């Protein structure tokens, strides 16, 4: 399914490079631990940051191996 001419949309947004997946993983890590880092935000229950971190690491790994 490779397009020899290249799709301008995927070239413009760097979808083939995996950068958006890595960026999403980093945002999930930040949002998962925001309650621990920022004063005034209630701390989420213990498994929530771990779930965010685990899925974030998977997304970062998937982005780099793409």
Protein backbone atom coordinates (compact mmCIF):
# COMPACT_ATOMS: atom_id res chain seq x y z
CA UNK A 1 0.00 0.00 0.00
CA UNK A 2 2.95 2.35 -0.41
CA UNK A 3 2.17 5.36 -2.53
CA UNK A 4 5.21 6.15 -4.72
CA UNK A 5 4.26 9.81 -5.00
CA UNK A 6 3.59 10.17 -1.27
CA UNK A 7 0.46 11.51 0.27
CA UNK A 8 0.74 15.23 1.08
CA UNK A 9 -1.34 14.83 4.23
CA UNK A 10 0.89 12.16 5.77
CA UNK A 11 4.00 14.09 4.72
CA UNK A 12 2.67 17.32 6.21
CA UNK A 13 1.79 15.85 9.61
CA UNK A 14 4.68 13.32 9.79
CA UNK A 15 2.32 10.40 10.40
CA UNK A 16 4.68 7.86 8.85
CA UNK A 17 7.53 8.87 11.15
CA UNK A 18 5.78 7.97 14.41
CA UNK A 19 6.30 11.44 15.91
CA UNK A 20 2.60 11.96 16.77
CA UNK A 21 2.50 8.63 18.61
CA UNK A 22 5.57 9.54 20.68
CA UNK A 23 4.11 12.98 21.42
CA UNK A 24 0.84 11.44 22.58
CA UNK A 25 2.78 9.12 24.87
CA UNK A 26 4.64 12.04 26.42
CA UNK A 27 1.40 13.97 26.95
CA UNK A 28 -0.17 10.96 28.64
CA UNK A 29 2.79 10.68 31.00
CA UNK A 30 2.49 14.35 31.91
CA UNK A 31 -1.26 14.16 32.43
CA UNK A 32 -0.99 10.97 34.47
CA UNK A 33 1.45 12.49 36.93
CA UNK A 34 0.06 16.05 36.92
CA UNK A 35 -1.68 15.45 40.24
CA UNK A 36 1.61 14.56 41.83
CA UNK A 37 3.53 17.46 40.30
CA UNK A 38 1.13 20.40 40.50
CA UNK A 39 -0.15 21.70 43.82
CA UNK A 40 -3.91 22.21 43.99
CA UNK A 41 -4.82 19.34 41.66
CA UNK A 42 -6.24 16.32 43.50
CA UNK A 43 -4.07 13.23 43.33
CA UNK A 44 -5.73 10.45 41.30
CA UNK A 45 -6.08 6.94 42.74
CA UNK A 46 -2.88 4.90 42.64
CA UNK A 47 -3.56 2.68 39.57
CA UNK A 48 -4.46 5.60 37.29
CA UNK A 49 -0.93 7.07 36.93
CA UNK A 50 0.44 3.57 36.47
CA UNK A 51 -2.04 2.84 33.67
CA UNK A 52 -1.22 6.15 32.00
CA UNK A 53 2.52 5.49 32.31
CA UNK A 54 2.26 1.93 31.00
CA UNK A 55 0.22 2.89 27.96
CA UNK A 56 2.49 5.90 27.39
CA UNK A 57 5.58 3.71 27.35
CA UNK A 58 3.86 1.42 24.87
CA UNK A 59 3.01 4.38 22.60
CA UNK A 60 6.56 5.73 22.79
CA UNK A 61 7.96 2.28 21.97
CA UNK A 62 5.51 1.91 19.07
CA UNK A 63 6.45 5.34 17.74
CA UNK A 64 10.17 4.62 17.77
CA UNK A 65 9.86 1.16 16.22
CA UNK A 66 7.52 2.33 13.46
